[in-house]
Amino acid sequence: MLIGLSGNTEGWHSDFTSNLEDKLAHDLARLQIELKLLKDAYQRNDLITVHFALIQMKPTLLSTSSFFRDLFDDMDELIVSKRGELPKIPERYDIPESYNYITPKLY
């Protein structure tokens, strides 16, 4: 959708030639495995494996963080580049009910 809005495929931070959903699913699945290892090792008081699990998690967390940062940067650049083409959002805009969108609550 981002490429459709921008009209080009150059200069993106995200790798839109790959399946982004698969990449995110892979990273999150790996993170779950690593978190389970960390939890199990902690419960057994196995501090060597706790240390190992923490080190194993770092690249996965960095990859996941970069995934979202790249998407954020791409959306930010798209909003700026299309500023004159996208309609202004009116004050007190409400998403039409037909979208069944529920506004997330803040913590």
Protein backbone atom coordinates (compact mmCIF):
# COMPACT_ATOMS: atom_id res chain seq x y z
CA MET A 1 0.00 0.00 0.00
CA LEU A 2 2.88 2.38 0.79
CA ILE A 3 4.39 1.82 -2.64
CA GLY A 4 0.96 2.36 -4.22
CA LEU A 5 0.62 5.69 -2.42
CA SER A 6 4.12 6.84 -3.27
CA GLY A 7 4.19 5.69 -6.88
CA ASN A 8 7.77 4.39 -6.70
CA THR A 9 9.87 1.65 -5.16
CA GLU A 10 13.10 3.54 -4.60
CA GLY A 11 14.54 4.97 -1.42
CA TRP A 12 12.57 2.89 1.05
CA HIS A 13 14.03 1.89 4.40
CA SER A 14 11.94 -1.30 4.44
CA ASP A 15 12.67 -4.19 2.10
CA PHE A 16 9.41 -4.41 0.20
CA THR A 17 10.86 -7.08 -2.10
CA SER A 18 10.50 -9.58 0.76
CA ASN A 19 7.37 -10.70 2.59
CA LEU A 20 7.29 -8.36 5.58
CA GLU A 21 4.59 -10.37 7.35
CA ASP A 22 6.72 -13.53 7.17
CA LYS A 23 9.79 -11.67 8.43
CA LEU A 24 7.92 -10.23 11.41
CA ALA A 25 6.27 -13.58 12.19
CA HIS A 26 9.68 -15.29 12.08
CA ASP A 27 11.28 -12.72 14.40
CA LEU A 28 8.38 -12.85 16.87
CA ALA A 29 8.38 -16.66 16.89
CA ARG A 30 12.12 -16.66 17.53
CA LEU A 31 11.67 -14.13 20.32
CA GLN A 32 9.02 -16.34 21.95
CA ILE A 33 11.42 -19.30 21.89
CA GLU A 34 14.18 -17.19 23.42
CA LEU A 35 11.84 -15.79 26.09
CA LYS A 36 10.75 -19.30 27.03
CA LEU A 37 14.40 -20.35 27.35
CA LEU A 38 15.06 -17.31 29.55
CA LYS A 39 12.02 -18.05 31.74
CA ASP A 40 12.86 -21.74 32.08
CA ALA A 41 16.49 -21.04 32.91
CA TYR A 42 15.54 -18.36 35.44
CA GLN A 43 13.08 -20.69 37.15
CA ARG A 44 15.83 -23.32 37.42
CA ASN A 45 18.29 -20.72 38.69
CA ASP A 46 20.59 -21.65 35.78
CA LEU A 47 22.39 -18.33 35.45
CA ILE A 48 24.68 -19.51 32.64
CA THR A 49 21.66 -20.28 30.46
CA VAL A 50 19.99 -17.05 31.60
CA HIS A 51 23.06 -15.17 30.41
CA PHE A 52 23.11 -17.12 27.14
CA ALA A 53 19.38 -16.48 26.53
CA LEU A 54 19.82 -12.75 27.13
CA ILE A 55 22.63 -12.64 24.58
CA GLN A 56 20.59 -14.69 22.09
CA MET A 57 17.67 -12.26 22.39
CA LYS A 58 19.66 -9.15 21.53
CA PRO A 59 19.89 -9.65 17.73
CA THR A 60 16.24 -10.70 17.54
CA LEU A 61 15.15 -7.64 19.48
CA LEU A 62 17.33 -5.42 17.31
CA SER A 63 15.90 -6.95 14.14
CA THR A 64 12.33 -6.45 15.38
CA SER A 65 13.10 -2.90 16.46
CA SER A 66 14.67 -2.11 13.08
CA PHE A 67 11.67 -3.61 11.28
CA PHE A 68 9.31 -1.15 12.96
CA ARG A 69 11.74 1.77 12.77
CA ASP A 70 12.10 1.29 9.01
CA LEU A 71 8.32 1.23 8.57
CA PHE A 72 8.00 4.33 10.75
CA ASP A 73 10.60 6.18 8.67
CA ASP A 74 8.92 5.10 5.40
CA MET A 75 5.50 6.31 6.59
CA ASP A 76 6.96 9.55 7.88
CA GLU A 77 8.64 10.26 4.54
CA LEU A 78 5.46 9.33 2.67
CA ILE A 79 3.35 11.73 4.76
CA VAL A 80 5.84 14.54 4.13
CA SER A 81 6.21 13.81 0.39
CA LYS A 82 2.42 13.62 -0.13
CA ARG A 83 1.57 16.59 2.09
CA GLY A 84 0.00 18.58 -0.77
CA GLU A 85 -1.74 15.57 -2.32
CA LEU A 86 -3.45 13.98 0.67
CA PRO A 87 -6.59 15.70 1.96
CA LYS A 88 -6.38 17.58 5.25
CA ILE A 89 -7.85 15.78 8.24
CA PRO A 90 -10.67 17.93 9.65
CA GLU A 91 -10.66 18.92 13.30
CA ARG A 92 -12.48 16.43 15.53
CA TYR A 93 -12.39 13.83 12.76
CA ASP A 94 -14.08 10.54 13.62
CA ILE A 95 -13.48 7.40 11.61
CA PRO A 96 -16.79 6.30 10.04
CA GLU A 97 -18.57 3.57 12.00
CA SER A 98 -18.60 1.32 8.92
CA TYR A 99 -14.87 0.63 9.56
CA ASN A 100 -15.65 -0.93 12.97
CA TYR A 101 -12.44 0.70 14.23
CA ILE A 102 -11.99 0.70 17.97
CA THR A 103 -9.63 3.40 19.19
CA PRO A 104 -6.93 1.74 21.30
CA LYS A 105 -6.89 2.85 24.93
CA LEU A 106 -3.72 4.37 26.30
CA TYR A 107 -2.01 2.65 29.19
